[in-house]
Amino acid sequence: MGVDQEKLAACIAACFECSQTCTACADACLSEPMAGEMATCISTDQNCADICLTTGRILTRITGQNKDVLRAVVQACREACRACAQECEGHAEMHEHCRLCAEACRRCEAACDELLNVLG
C-alpha cells in the first residue's frame, strides 16, 4: 500500500502498549477504595483498550486493506486515546496508574496522528 513502514510499526506498537496500559489502569481503578467514583475512568479505559487492540490487529494485517477503512479505524483510535488521556489526567496526581495510562494514551494518539499524515 505504500505506507511508511516505520510509522506503521510505531503505531502498531503504541496501540498494543496503550491497550495493555488501559486494561491495567481499569483493573487498578477497580481496586481503589472509592472505585465507584472511578466508573467513568474505568469505562473510558476499557473502551480505549478495546479500540487500541482492534486497531493494532487491523494495522498488523494491512495487506490488501482499503485506505479509507484504515483511516477511519486510526481516527477512532486517536479519538479514544485523546478521551482516555483527558480522563486519566484528571486523576494522575492521585493515582500513578492513571498518570501512566494518560502518558501511554498520548503516545498512541501521537502515533496515530503520524500514521494518518502518511495515509493521506
C-alpha atoms as a PDB file:
ATOM      1  CA  MET A   1       0.000   0.000   0.000  1.00  0.00           C
ATOM      2  CA  GLY A   2       3.000   2.310   0.097  1.00  0.00           C
ATOM      3  CA  VAL A   3       2.670   3.093   3.815  1.00  0.00           C
ATOM      4  CA  ASP A   4       5.726   4.278   5.738  1.00  0.00           C
ATOM      5  CA  GLN A   5       6.747   1.063   7.498  1.00  0.00           C
ATOM      6  CA  GLU A   6       8.396   2.824  10.446  1.00  0.00           C
ATOM      7  CA  LYS A   7       5.316   4.895  11.207  1.00  0.00           C
ATOM      8  CA  LEU A   8       3.099   1.844  10.751  1.00  0.00           C
ATOM      9  CA  ALA A   9       5.238  -0.238  13.130  1.00  0.00           C
ATOM     10  CA  ALA A  10       5.354   2.593  15.661  1.00  0.00           C
ATOM     11  CA  CYS A  11       1.580   2.947  15.571  1.00  0.00           C
ATOM     12  CA  ILE A  12       1.035  -0.798  15.975  1.00  0.00           C
ATOM     13  CA  ALA A  13       3.397  -0.897  18.961  1.00  0.00           C
ATOM     14  CA  ALA A  14       1.768   2.166  20.530  1.00  0.00           C
ATOM     15  CA  CYS A  15      -1.698   0.641  20.086  1.00  0.00           C
ATOM     16  CA  PHE A  16      -0.737  -2.602  21.808  1.00  0.00           C
ATOM     17  CA  GLU A  17       1.095  -0.777  24.610  1.00  0.00           C
ATOM     18  CA  CYS A  18      -1.863   1.533  25.144  1.00  0.00           C
ATOM     19  CA  SER A  19      -4.320  -1.361  25.199  1.00  0.00           C
ATOM     20  CA  GLN A  20      -2.309  -3.110  27.902  1.00  0.00           C
ATOM     21  CA  THR A  21      -1.833   0.054  29.937  1.00  0.00           C
ATOM     22  CA  CYS A  22      -5.525   0.972  29.765  1.00  0.00           C
ATOM     23  CA  THR A  23      -6.501  -2.538  30.838  1.00  0.00           C
ATOM     24  CA  ALA A  24      -4.112  -2.324  33.796  1.00  0.00           C
ATOM     25  CA  CYS A  25      -5.424   1.123  34.717  1.00  0.00           C
ATOM     26  CA  ALA A  26      -9.048  -0.054  34.676  1.00  0.00           C
ATOM     27  CA  ASP A  27      -8.097  -3.004  36.868  1.00  0.00           C
ATOM     28  CA  ALA A  28      -6.207  -0.738  39.275  1.00  0.00           C
ATOM     29  CA  CYS A  29      -9.154   1.675  39.415  1.00  0.00           C
ATOM     30  CA  LEU A  30     -11.402  -1.228  40.383  1.00  0.00           C
ATOM     31  CA  SER A  31      -9.161  -1.946  43.368  1.00  0.00           C
ATOM     32  CA  GLU A  32      -9.242   1.635  44.639  1.00  0.00           C
ATOM     33  CA  PRO A  33     -11.204   2.190  47.872  1.00  0.00           C
ATOM     34  CA  MET A  34     -13.537   4.613  46.076  1.00  0.00           C
ATOM     35  CA  ALA A  35     -13.873   2.539  42.878  1.00  0.00           C
ATOM     36  CA  GLY A  36     -17.443   3.753  42.385  1.00  0.00           C
ATOM     37  CA  GLU A  37     -16.147   7.270  41.879  1.00  0.00           C
ATOM     38  CA  MET A  38     -13.824   5.941  39.156  1.00  0.00           C
ATOM     39  CA  ALA A  39     -16.622   4.494  36.998  1.00  0.00           C
ATOM     40  CA  THR A  40     -16.088   6.936  34.126  1.00  0.00           C
ATOM     41  CA  CYS A  41     -12.349   6.332  34.175  1.00  0.00           C
ATOM     42  CA  ILE A  42     -12.828   2.559  34.208  1.00  0.00           C
ATOM     43  CA  SER A  43     -15.265   2.645  31.307  1.00  0.00           C
ATOM     44  CA  THR A  44     -13.084   5.022  29.299  1.00  0.00           C
ATOM     45  CA  ASP A  45     -10.045   2.808  29.957  1.00  0.00           C
ATOM     46  CA  GLN A  46     -11.888  -0.301  28.825  1.00  0.00           C
ATOM     47  CA  ASN A  47     -13.203   1.332  25.658  1.00  0.00           C
ATOM     48  CA  CYS A  48      -9.777   2.689  24.771  1.00  0.00           C
ATOM     49  CA  ALA A  49      -8.140  -0.689  25.444  1.00  0.00           C
ATOM     50  CA  ASP A  50     -10.570  -2.438  23.105  1.00  0.00           C
ATOM     51  CA  ILE A  51     -10.237   0.153  20.336  1.00  0.00           C
ATOM     52  CA  CYS A  52      -6.437   0.172  20.558  1.00  0.00           C
ATOM     53  CA  LEU A  53      -6.241  -3.625  20.496  1.00  0.00           C
ATOM     54  CA  THR A  54      -8.511  -3.808  17.473  1.00  0.00           C
ATOM     55  CA  THR A  55      -6.623  -1.028  15.690  1.00  0.00           C
ATOM     56  CA  GLY A  56      -3.302  -2.737  16.316  1.00  0.00           C
ATOM     57  CA  ARG A  57      -4.641  -6.011  14.956  1.00  0.00           C
ATOM     58  CA  ILE A  58      -6.129  -4.379  11.844  1.00  0.00           C
ATOM     59  CA  LEU A  59      -2.919  -2.467  11.147  1.00  0.00           C
ATOM     60  CA  THR A  60      -0.904  -5.660  11.569  1.00  0.00           C
ATOM     61  CA  ARG A  61      -2.764  -7.246   8.674  1.00  0.00           C
ATOM     62  CA  ILE A  62      -2.630  -4.167   6.452  1.00  0.00           C
ATOM     63  CA  THR A  63      -2.018  -6.091   3.211  1.00  0.00           C
ATOM     64  CA  GLY A  64      -4.887  -5.530   0.808  1.00  0.00           C
ATOM     65  CA  GLN A  65      -6.753  -3.170   3.123  1.00  0.00           C
ATOM     66  CA  ASN A  66      -8.793  -0.214   1.985  1.00  0.00           C
ATOM     67  CA  LYS A  67      -7.081   3.058   2.991  1.00  0.00           C
ATOM     68  CA  ASP A  68     -10.444   4.674   3.809  1.00  0.00           C
ATOM     69  CA  VAL A  69     -11.166   1.922   6.341  1.00  0.00           C
ATOM     70  CA  LEU A  70      -7.664   2.192   7.791  1.00  0.00           C
ATOM     71  CA  ARG A  71      -8.003   5.957   8.172  1.00  0.00           C
ATOM     72  CA  ALA A  72     -11.365   5.562   9.918  1.00  0.00           C
ATOM     73  CA  VAL A  73     -10.009   2.971  12.345  1.00  0.00           C
ATOM     74  CA  VAL A  74      -6.897   5.015  13.148  1.00  0.00           C
ATOM     75  CA  GLN A  75      -9.000   8.163  13.599  1.00  0.00           C
ATOM     76  CA  ALA A  76     -11.287   6.316  16.030  1.00  0.00           C
ATOM     77  CA  CYS A  77      -8.248   5.081  17.946  1.00  0.00           C
ATOM     78  CA  ARG A  78      -6.794   8.580  18.110  1.00  0.00           C
ATOM     79  CA  GLU A  79     -10.081   9.952  19.496  1.00  0.00           C
ATOM     80  CA  ALA A  80     -10.401   7.143  22.062  1.00  0.00           C
ATOM     81  CA  CYS A  81      -6.840   7.788  23.204  1.00  0.00           C
ATOM     82  CA  ARG A  82      -7.472  11.527  23.449  1.00  0.00           C
ATOM     83  CA  ALA A  83     -10.603  10.990  25.566  1.00  0.00           C
ATOM     84  CA  CYS A  84      -8.919   8.433  27.806  1.00  0.00           C
ATOM     85  CA  ALA A  85      -5.854  10.618  28.307  1.00  0.00           C
ATOM     86  CA  GLN A  86      -8.049  13.546  29.315  1.00  0.00           C
ATOM     87  CA  GLU A  87      -9.968  11.397  31.796  1.00  0.00           C
ATOM     88  CA  CYS A  88      -6.859   9.850  33.329  1.00  0.00           C
ATOM     89  CA  GLU A  89      -5.027  13.176  33.509  1.00  0.00           C
ATOM     90  CA  GLY A  90      -7.759  14.291  35.889  1.00  0.00           C
ATOM     91  CA  HIS A  91      -6.710  11.538  38.312  1.00  0.00           C
ATOM     92  CA  ALA A  92      -2.977  11.488  37.570  1.00  0.00           C
ATOM     93  CA  GLU A  93      -1.910  13.333  40.713  1.00  0.00           C
ATOM     94  CA  MET A  94      -3.761  10.875  42.955  1.00  0.00           C
ATOM     95  CA  HIS A  95      -3.204   7.634  41.052  1.00  0.00           C
ATOM     96  CA  GLU A  96       0.072   6.578  39.424  1.00  0.00           C
ATOM     97  CA  HIS A  97      -1.759   4.105  37.184  1.00  0.00           C
ATOM     98  CA  CYS A  98      -3.816   6.956  35.735  1.00  0.00           C
ATOM     99  CA  ARG A  99      -0.668   9.000  35.094  1.00  0.00           C
ATOM    100  CA  LEU A 100       0.939   6.082  33.266  1.00  0.00           C
ATOM    101  CA  CYS A 101      -2.243   5.446  31.310  1.00  0.00           C
ATOM    102  CA  ALA A 102      -2.547   9.079  30.243  1.00  0.00           C
ATOM    103  CA  GLU A 103       1.060   9.023  29.023  1.00  0.00           C
ATOM    104  CA  ALA A 104       0.510   5.822  27.017  1.00  0.00           C
ATOM    105  CA  CYS A 105      -2.665   7.279  25.528  1.00  0.00           C
ATOM    106  CA  ARG A 106      -0.858  10.465  24.481  1.00  0.00           C
ATOM    107  CA  ARG A 107       1.901   8.401  22.838  1.00  0.00           C
ATOM    108  CA  CYS A 108      -0.671   6.349  20.947  1.00  0.00           C
ATOM    109  CA  GLU A 109      -2.598   9.472  19.959  1.00  0.00           C
ATOM    110  CA  ALA A 110       0.637  10.939  18.536  1.00  0.00           C
ATOM    111  CA  ALA A 111       1.497   7.699  16.694  1.00  0.00           C
ATOM    112  CA  CYS A 112      -1.999   7.664  15.190  1.00  0.00           C
ATOM    113  CA  ASP A 113      -1.534  11.272  14.052  1.00  0.00           C
ATOM    114  CA  GLU A 114       1.784  10.379  12.430  1.00  0.00           C
ATOM    115  CA  LEU A 115       0.254   7.432  10.600  1.00  0.00           C
ATOM    116  CA  LEU A 116      -2.750   9.451   9.480  1.00  0.00           C
ATOM    117  CA  ASN A 117      -0.371  12.011   7.973  1.00  0.00           C
ATOM    118  CA  VAL A 118       1.185   9.354   5.738  1.00  0.00           C
ATOM    119  CA  LEU A 119      -2.130   7.658   4.903  1.00  0.00           C
ATOM    120  CA  GLY A 120      -3.289  10.919   3.352  1.00  0.00           C
END
